[in-house]
Amino acid sequence: MSQKRSCKECQRLFTPSPRRPDQRHCSRKECQKARKRDWQREKMKNDEAYRAKQQASKKAWREKNPDYWAKYRQDHPEYVRRNREKQREREARSRIAKMDVLEPQSFFESGTYRIIPVRCDLANMDVILARIEAVSPGCG
């Protein structure tokens, strides 16, 4: 008889199957679901053919059930409310100001400019100081 071991999911003691001496999950339904979820996650990460088959299967299901999510949201208003709340939280977290990121706007009008290197000793070798002068007015 095998020694009892602790289940990876629920930490309860169980006796592994003689056919699977390396068994890590007990037979409880929740623990078996966790075992399957762990297996699938690992398989998706490491097996290109399995990943492609899963993606094709999901695509076929979406094509067969195009209005599923719209109907689900209509029938589950609590889901919609919670999802919107979670989305607001994600958006709030993503609005972190960064000093080194430029806004996607142009600081200069279109035209021709001259870049003139400025000589000075800098401790940071990655920085180039330059002066920018307009050579011709903007075209727009």
N, C-alpha and C. Protein backbone atom coordinates (compact mmCIF):
# COMPACT_ATOMS: atom_id res chain seq x y z
N MET A 1 0.85 -1.19 0.00
CA MET A 1 0.00 0.00 0.00
C MET A 1 0.89 1.24 0.00
N SER A 2 0.51 2.23 -0.84
CA SER A 2 1.28 3.47 -0.95
C SER A 2 1.10 4.34 0.27
N GLN A 3 2.09 5.18 0.48
CA GLN A 3 1.99 6.14 1.58
C GLN A 3 1.03 7.25 1.19
N LYS A 4 0.37 7.80 2.18
CA LYS A 4 -0.52 8.94 1.93
C LYS A 4 0.32 10.16 1.59
N ARG A 5 -0.28 11.03 0.79
CA ARG A 5 0.40 12.28 0.45
C ARG A 5 -0.62 13.40 0.45
N SER A 6 -0.12 14.60 0.48
CA SER A 6 -0.95 15.79 0.52
C SER A 6 -1.33 16.19 -0.90
N CYS A 7 -2.60 16.48 -1.11
CA CYS A 7 -3.10 16.90 -2.42
C CYS A 7 -2.51 18.27 -2.77
N LYS A 8 -2.06 18.41 -4.01
CA LYS A 8 -1.47 19.67 -4.47
C LYS A 8 -2.46 20.83 -4.39
N GLU A 9 -3.75 20.54 -4.56
CA GLU A 9 -4.77 21.58 -4.60
C GLU A 9 -5.34 21.89 -3.21
N CYS A 10 -5.87 20.87 -2.52
CA CYS A 10 -6.58 21.12 -1.25
C CYS A 10 -5.77 20.79 -0.01
N GLN A 11 -4.59 20.20 -0.19
CA GLN A 11 -3.68 19.82 0.89
C GLN A 11 -4.23 18.72 1.81
N ARG A 12 -5.33 18.07 1.45
CA ARG A 12 -5.84 16.94 2.24
C ARG A 12 -5.00 15.70 1.91
N LEU A 13 -4.91 14.81 2.87
CA LEU A 13 -4.17 13.58 2.66
C LEU A 13 -4.98 12.61 1.81
N PHE A 14 -4.31 11.90 0.89
CA PHE A 14 -4.97 10.89 0.07
C PHE A 14 -3.96 9.79 -0.24
N THR A 15 -4.47 8.66 -0.67
CA THR A 15 -3.62 7.55 -1.06
C THR A 15 -3.55 7.52 -2.59
N PRO A 16 -2.36 7.67 -3.17
CA PRO A 16 -2.24 7.65 -4.64
C PRO A 16 -2.67 6.30 -5.21
N SER A 17 -3.16 6.33 -6.42
CA SER A 17 -3.55 5.11 -7.12
C SER A 17 -2.31 4.27 -7.38
N PRO A 18 -2.43 2.95 -7.24
CA PRO A 18 -1.28 2.08 -7.55
C PRO A 18 -0.85 2.21 -9.01
N ARG A 19 -1.79 2.58 -9.89
CA ARG A 19 -1.48 2.75 -11.31
C ARG A 19 -0.80 4.09 -11.59
N ARG A 20 -0.92 5.04 -10.66
CA ARG A 20 -0.31 6.37 -10.81
C ARG A 20 0.46 6.73 -9.54
N PRO A 21 1.61 6.12 -9.30
CA PRO A 21 2.34 6.38 -8.06
C PRO A 21 2.80 7.84 -7.94
N ASP A 22 2.85 8.57 -9.07
CA ASP A 22 3.25 9.98 -9.03
C ASP A 22 2.05 10.93 -8.90
N GLN A 23 0.88 10.40 -8.62
CA GLN A 23 -0.35 11.19 -8.51
C GLN A 23 -0.19 12.33 -7.50
N ARG A 24 -0.59 13.54 -7.88
CA ARG A 24 -0.42 14.72 -7.02
C ARG A 24 -1.74 15.33 -6.55
N HIS A 25 -2.85 14.95 -7.20
CA HIS A 25 -4.16 15.49 -6.82
C HIS A 25 -5.05 14.37 -6.30
N CYS A 26 -5.86 14.68 -5.30
CA CYS A 26 -6.81 13.69 -4.79
C CYS A 26 -7.97 13.56 -5.78
N SER A 27 -8.94 12.71 -5.47
CA SER A 27 -10.03 12.43 -6.41
C SER A 27 -11.21 13.40 -6.28
N ARG A 28 -11.14 14.37 -5.37
CA ARG A 28 -12.25 15.33 -5.24
C ARG A 28 -12.44 16.07 -6.57
N LYS A 29 -13.70 16.36 -6.90
CA LYS A 29 -14.04 16.98 -8.18
C LYS A 29 -13.27 18.28 -8.40
N GLU A 30 -13.21 19.14 -7.38
CA GLU A 30 -12.52 20.43 -7.51
C GLU A 30 -11.03 20.25 -7.79
N CYS A 31 -10.44 19.24 -7.15
CA CYS A 31 -9.01 18.99 -7.33
C CYS A 31 -8.73 18.41 -8.70
N GLN A 32 -9.62 17.58 -9.21
CA GLN A 32 -9.46 17.05 -10.56
C GLN A 32 -9.62 18.14 -11.61
N LYS A 33 -10.52 19.09 -11.36
CA LYS A 33 -10.65 20.23 -12.28
C LYS A 33 -9.36 21.05 -12.28
N ALA A 34 -8.78 21.25 -11.11
CA ALA A 34 -7.52 22.00 -11.01
C ALA A 34 -6.40 21.25 -11.73
N ARG A 35 -6.37 19.90 -11.60
CA ARG A 35 -5.36 19.09 -12.28
C ARG A 35 -5.49 19.26 -13.79
N LYS A 36 -6.72 19.20 -14.29
CA LYS A 36 -6.95 19.34 -15.73
C LYS A 36 -6.56 20.75 -16.20
N ARG A 37 -6.92 21.76 -15.41
CA ARG A 37 -6.59 23.15 -15.75
C ARG A 37 -5.06 23.32 -15.83
N ASP A 38 -4.33 22.76 -14.86
CA ASP A 38 -2.87 22.84 -14.85
C ASP A 38 -2.30 22.14 -16.09
N TRP A 39 -2.85 20.96 -16.43
CA TRP A 39 -2.37 20.21 -17.59
C TRP A 39 -2.60 21.01 -18.87
N GLN A 40 -3.81 21.57 -19.01
CA GLN A 40 -4.12 22.34 -20.21
C GLN A 40 -3.23 23.58 -20.33
N ARG A 41 -3.01 24.27 -19.23
CA ARG A 41 -2.16 25.47 -19.25
C ARG A 41 -0.75 25.11 -19.72
N GLU A 42 -0.21 24.03 -19.21
CA GLU A 42 1.13 23.58 -19.59
C GLU A 42 1.15 23.13 -21.05
N LYS A 43 0.11 22.43 -21.48
CA LYS A 43 0.02 21.94 -22.86
C LYS A 43 -0.06 23.12 -23.84
N MET A 44 -0.86 24.14 -23.50
CA MET A 44 -0.98 25.32 -24.36
C MET A 44 0.36 26.05 -24.47
N LYS A 45 1.11 26.05 -23.40
CA LYS A 45 2.39 26.76 -23.39
C LYS A 45 3.46 26.02 -24.21
N ASN A 46 3.42 24.68 -24.21
CA ASN A 46 4.53 23.92 -24.77
C ASN A 46 4.24 23.14 -26.05
N ASP A 47 2.97 23.03 -26.46
CA ASP A 47 2.63 22.19 -27.61
C ASP A 47 1.94 23.03 -28.69
N GLU A 48 2.70 23.36 -29.73
CA GLU A 48 2.19 24.23 -30.81
C GLU A 48 0.98 23.63 -31.51
N ALA A 49 1.01 22.33 -31.78
CA ALA A 49 -0.11 21.67 -32.47
C ALA A 49 -1.38 21.72 -31.62
N TYR A 50 -1.24 21.44 -30.34
CA TYR A 50 -2.40 21.49 -29.43
C TYR A 50 -2.97 22.91 -29.39
N ARG A 51 -2.08 23.91 -29.29
CA ARG A 51 -2.52 25.31 -29.23
C ARG A 51 -3.28 25.69 -30.50
N ALA A 52 -2.76 25.28 -31.67
CA ALA A 52 -3.42 25.59 -32.94
C ALA A 52 -4.79 24.92 -33.01
N LYS A 53 -4.88 23.67 -32.56
CA LYS A 53 -6.15 22.95 -32.58
C LYS A 53 -7.17 23.63 -31.66
N GLN A 54 -6.73 24.05 -30.50
CA GLN A 54 -7.63 24.74 -29.57
C GLN A 54 -8.13 26.06 -30.16
N GLN A 55 -7.23 26.81 -30.79
CA GLN A 55 -7.63 28.09 -31.40
C GLN A 55 -8.62 27.86 -32.53
N ALA A 56 -8.40 26.84 -33.35
CA ALA A 56 -9.32 26.53 -34.45
C ALA A 56 -10.69 26.12 -33.91
N SER A 57 -10.68 25.34 -32.84
CA SER A 57 -11.93 24.89 -32.23
C SER A 57 -12.72 26.08 -31.68
N LYS A 58 -12.02 27.00 -31.01
CA LYS A 58 -12.69 28.19 -30.47
C LYS A 58 -13.24 29.06 -31.58
N LYS A 59 -12.47 29.20 -32.66
CA LYS A 59 -12.93 30.01 -33.79
C LYS A 59 -14.18 29.40 -34.41
N ALA A 60 -14.21 28.08 -34.59
CA ALA A 60 -15.38 27.41 -35.16
C ALA A 60 -16.60 27.60 -34.27
N TRP A 61 -16.40 27.52 -32.94
CA TRP A 61 -17.51 27.70 -32.01
C TRP A 61 -18.05 29.13 -32.11
N ARG A 62 -17.14 30.13 -32.17
CA ARG A 62 -17.58 31.53 -32.28
C ARG A 62 -18.37 31.77 -33.56
N GLU A 63 -17.93 31.14 -34.67
CA GLU A 63 -18.65 31.30 -35.93
C GLU A 63 -20.02 30.65 -35.88
N LYS A 64 -20.13 29.55 -35.15
CA LYS A 64 -21.40 28.83 -35.02
C LYS A 64 -22.35 29.55 -34.05
N ASN A 65 -21.80 30.31 -33.10
CA ASN A 65 -22.59 30.99 -32.07
C ASN A 65 -22.26 32.49 -32.03
N PRO A 66 -22.51 33.22 -33.10
CA PRO A 66 -22.06 34.62 -33.18
C PRO A 66 -22.73 35.55 -32.17
N ASP A 67 -23.94 35.24 -31.74
CA ASP A 67 -24.65 36.16 -30.83
C ASP A 67 -24.63 35.69 -29.38
N TYR A 68 -23.78 34.70 -29.08
CA TYR A 68 -23.77 34.15 -27.72
C TYR A 68 -23.51 35.21 -26.66
N TRP A 69 -22.42 35.99 -26.82
CA TRP A 69 -22.04 36.94 -25.77
C TRP A 69 -23.03 38.09 -25.64
N ALA A 70 -23.60 38.54 -26.75
CA ALA A 70 -24.61 39.60 -26.67
C ALA A 70 -25.81 39.11 -25.87
N LYS A 71 -26.25 37.89 -26.15
CA LYS A 71 -27.40 37.32 -25.41
C LYS A 71 -27.02 37.09 -23.94
N TYR A 72 -25.82 36.61 -23.69
CA TYR A 72 -25.37 36.37 -22.32
C TYR A 72 -25.39 37.67 -21.51
N ARG A 73 -24.85 38.74 -22.10
CA ARG A 73 -24.85 40.04 -21.40
C ARG A 73 -26.26 40.54 -21.14
N GLN A 74 -27.14 40.30 -22.11
CA GLN A 74 -28.54 40.72 -21.95
C GLN A 74 -29.21 39.95 -20.81
N ASP A 75 -28.91 38.68 -20.69
CA ASP A 75 -29.53 37.82 -19.67
C ASP A 75 -28.85 37.90 -18.30
N HIS A 76 -27.67 38.53 -18.23
CA HIS A 76 -26.89 38.58 -16.98
C HIS A 76 -26.43 40.01 -16.69
N PRO A 77 -27.33 40.89 -16.26
CA PRO A 77 -26.95 42.28 -16.02
C PRO A 77 -25.91 42.44 -14.91
N GLU A 78 -25.88 41.53 -13.95
CA GLU A 78 -24.87 41.61 -12.88
C GLU A 78 -23.47 41.38 -13.45
N TYR A 79 -23.35 40.48 -14.42
CA TYR A 79 -22.08 40.24 -15.10
C TYR A 79 -21.61 41.53 -15.80
N VAL A 80 -22.54 42.20 -16.47
CA VAL A 80 -22.21 43.43 -17.19
C VAL A 80 -21.74 44.50 -16.21
N ARG A 81 -22.47 44.65 -15.10
CA ARG A 81 -22.11 45.66 -14.10
C ARG A 81 -20.71 45.39 -13.54
N ARG A 82 -20.46 44.14 -13.17
CA ARG A 82 -19.16 43.77 -12.59
C ARG A 82 -18.03 43.96 -13.62
N ASN A 83 -18.29 43.58 -14.86
CA ASN A 83 -17.28 43.71 -15.91
C ASN A 83 -16.92 45.19 -16.12
N ARG A 84 -17.92 46.06 -16.13
CA ARG A 84 -17.65 47.49 -16.30
C ARG A 84 -16.83 48.04 -15.14
N GLU A 85 -17.17 47.58 -13.94
CA GLU A 85 -16.43 48.01 -12.75
C GLU A 85 -14.96 47.57 -12.83
N LYS A 86 -14.74 46.33 -13.21
CA LYS A 86 -13.38 45.81 -13.34
C LYS A 86 -12.62 46.55 -14.45
N GLN A 87 -13.31 46.88 -15.54
CA GLN A 87 -12.66 47.60 -16.64
C GLN A 87 -12.21 48.99 -16.17
N ARG A 88 -13.06 49.66 -15.40
CA ARG A 88 -12.67 50.98 -14.86
C ARG A 88 -11.43 50.86 -13.98
N GLU A 89 -11.36 49.79 -13.17
CA GLU A 89 -10.18 49.58 -12.33
C GLU A 89 -8.93 49.37 -13.19
N ARG A 90 -9.04 48.57 -14.25
CA ARG A 90 -7.89 48.33 -15.13
C ARG A 90 -7.45 49.62 -15.80
N GLU A 91 -8.43 50.41 -16.26
CA GLU A 91 -8.09 51.68 -16.92
C GLU A 91 -7.42 52.64 -15.94
N ALA A 92 -7.90 52.68 -14.70
CA ALA A 92 -7.31 53.56 -13.70
C ALA A 92 -5.86 53.17 -13.43
N ARG A 93 -5.58 51.87 -13.39
CA ARG A 93 -4.21 51.41 -13.15
C ARG A 93 -3.31 51.72 -14.34
N SER A 94 -3.86 51.76 -15.55
CA SER A 94 -3.02 51.98 -16.72
C SER A 94 -2.71 53.45 -16.95
N ARG A 95 -3.29 54.34 -16.20
CA ARG A 95 -3.06 55.78 -16.37
C ARG A 95 -1.90 56.28 -15.51
N ILE A 96 -0.87 55.51 -15.44
CA ILE A 96 0.30 55.90 -14.65
C ILE A 96 1.15 56.84 -15.50
N ALA A 97 1.48 57.97 -14.94
CA ALA A 97 2.27 58.96 -15.68
C ALA A 97 3.71 58.50 -15.77
N LYS A 98 4.27 58.64 -16.96
CA LYS A 98 5.69 58.33 -17.16
C LYS A 98 6.35 59.58 -17.68
N MET A 99 7.47 59.90 -17.09
CA MET A 99 8.18 61.11 -17.47
C MET A 99 8.86 60.97 -18.84
N ASP A 100 9.21 59.74 -19.24
CA ASP A 100 9.98 59.56 -20.46
C ASP A 100 9.14 59.16 -21.68
N VAL A 101 7.81 59.27 -21.59
CA VAL A 101 6.94 58.91 -22.70
C VAL A 101 6.30 60.17 -23.25
N LEU A 102 6.50 60.39 -24.54
CA LEU A 102 5.91 61.56 -25.18
C LEU A 102 4.47 61.29 -25.57
N GLU A 103 3.66 62.30 -25.51
CA GLU A 103 2.28 62.19 -25.99
C GLU A 103 2.32 62.02 -27.50
N PRO A 104 1.33 61.35 -28.07
CA PRO A 104 1.34 61.14 -29.52
C PRO A 104 0.93 62.40 -30.29
N GLN A 105 1.54 63.50 -29.97
CA GLN A 105 1.26 64.74 -30.67
C GLN A 105 2.58 65.32 -31.14
N SER A 106 2.54 66.10 -32.17
CA SER A 106 3.76 66.67 -32.71
C SER A 106 4.07 67.98 -32.00
N PHE A 107 5.32 68.16 -31.62
CA PHE A 107 5.75 69.40 -30.99
C PHE A 107 6.14 70.44 -32.03
N PHE A 108 6.33 69.99 -33.25
CA PHE A 108 6.78 70.89 -34.31
C PHE A 108 5.80 70.84 -35.47
N GLU A 109 5.66 71.98 -36.11
CA GLU A 109 4.92 71.99 -37.36
C GLU A 109 5.79 71.37 -38.42
N SER A 110 5.16 70.89 -39.50
CA SER A 110 5.99 70.32 -40.55
C SER A 110 6.82 71.43 -41.18
N GLY A 111 7.96 71.11 -41.63
CA GLY A 111 8.90 72.07 -42.21
C GLY A 111 10.29 71.49 -42.21
N THR A 112 11.26 72.32 -42.46
CA THR A 112 12.65 71.87 -42.48
C THR A 112 13.36 72.46 -41.26
N TYR A 113 14.10 71.61 -40.59
CA TYR A 113 14.80 72.02 -39.37
C TYR A 113 16.26 71.64 -39.46
N ARG A 114 17.07 72.38 -38.72
CA ARG A 114 18.49 72.09 -38.60
C ARG A 114 18.73 71.62 -37.16
N ILE A 115 19.44 70.51 -37.02
CA ILE A 115 19.81 70.00 -35.70
C ILE A 115 21.27 70.32 -35.48
N ILE A 116 21.54 71.09 -34.42
CA ILE A 116 22.90 71.54 -34.14
C ILE A 116 23.35 70.91 -32.82
N PRO A 117 24.39 70.06 -32.89
CA PRO A 117 24.89 69.47 -31.64
C PRO A 117 25.39 70.54 -30.68
N VAL A 118 25.13 70.33 -29.41
CA VAL A 118 25.60 71.25 -28.37
C VAL A 118 26.72 70.52 -27.62
N ARG A 119 27.86 71.14 -27.53
CA ARG A 119 29.00 70.48 -26.88
C ARG A 119 28.98 70.77 -25.38
N CYS A 120 29.03 69.70 -24.63
CA CYS A 120 29.21 69.82 -23.18
C CYS A 120 29.53 68.43 -22.66
N ASP A 121 30.14 68.37 -21.50
CA ASP A 121 30.50 67.09 -20.92
C ASP A 121 29.32 66.57 -20.11
N LEU A 122 28.85 65.38 -20.49
CA LEU A 122 27.74 64.75 -19.78
C LEU A 122 28.19 63.45 -19.14
N ALA A 123 27.66 63.18 -17.99
CA ALA A 123 27.98 61.92 -17.33
C ALA A 123 27.28 60.76 -18.04
N ASN A 124 26.10 61.01 -18.62
CA ASN A 124 25.35 59.98 -19.31
C ASN A 124 25.74 59.97 -20.78
N MET A 125 26.39 58.90 -21.23
CA MET A 125 26.88 58.81 -22.60
C MET A 125 25.76 58.59 -23.61
N ASP A 126 24.56 58.19 -23.15
CA ASP A 126 23.45 57.91 -24.05
C ASP A 126 22.69 59.16 -24.46
N VAL A 127 23.02 60.30 -23.90
CA VAL A 127 22.28 61.53 -24.16
C VAL A 127 23.03 62.39 -25.16
N ILE A 128 22.31 62.89 -26.15
CA ILE A 128 22.89 63.84 -27.10
C ILE A 128 22.10 65.13 -26.96
N LEU A 129 22.79 66.20 -26.65
CA LEU A 129 22.13 67.49 -26.57
C LEU A 129 22.21 68.17 -27.92
N ALA A 130 21.09 68.74 -28.34
CA ALA A 130 21.06 69.42 -29.64
C ALA A 130 20.12 70.60 -29.58
N ARG A 131 20.37 71.56 -30.45
CA ARG A 131 19.48 72.71 -30.61
C ARG A 131 18.78 72.52 -31.96
N ILE A 132 17.48 72.76 -32.01
CA ILE A 132 16.73 72.60 -33.25
C ILE A 132 16.29 73.98 -33.71
N GLU A 133 16.65 74.32 -34.96
CA GLU A 133 16.28 75.62 -35.52
C GLU A 133 15.47 75.40 -36.79
N ALA A 134 14.46 76.20 -36.97
CA ALA A 134 13.65 76.12 -38.20
C ALA A 134 14.43 76.76 -39.34
N VAL A 135 14.48 76.07 -40.49
CA VAL A 135 15.14 76.57 -41.68
C VAL A 135 14.09 77.16 -42.62
N SER A 136 12.93 76.51 -42.71
CA SER A 136 11.85 77.05 -43.53
C SER A 136 10.53 76.90 -42.78
N PRO A 137 9.56 77.75 -43.04
CA PRO A 137 8.29 77.68 -42.33
C PRO A 137 7.55 76.41 -42.68
N GLY A 138 6.59 76.09 -41.84
CA GLY A 138 5.78 74.87 -42.03
C GLY A 138 5.01 74.87 -43.33
N CYS A 139 4.65 73.68 -43.76
CA CYS A 139 3.96 73.53 -45.04
C CYS A 139 2.46 73.34 -44.84
N GLY A 140 1.96 73.47 -43.67
CA GLY A 140 0.54 73.15 -43.52
C GLY A 140 -0.11 73.95 -42.55
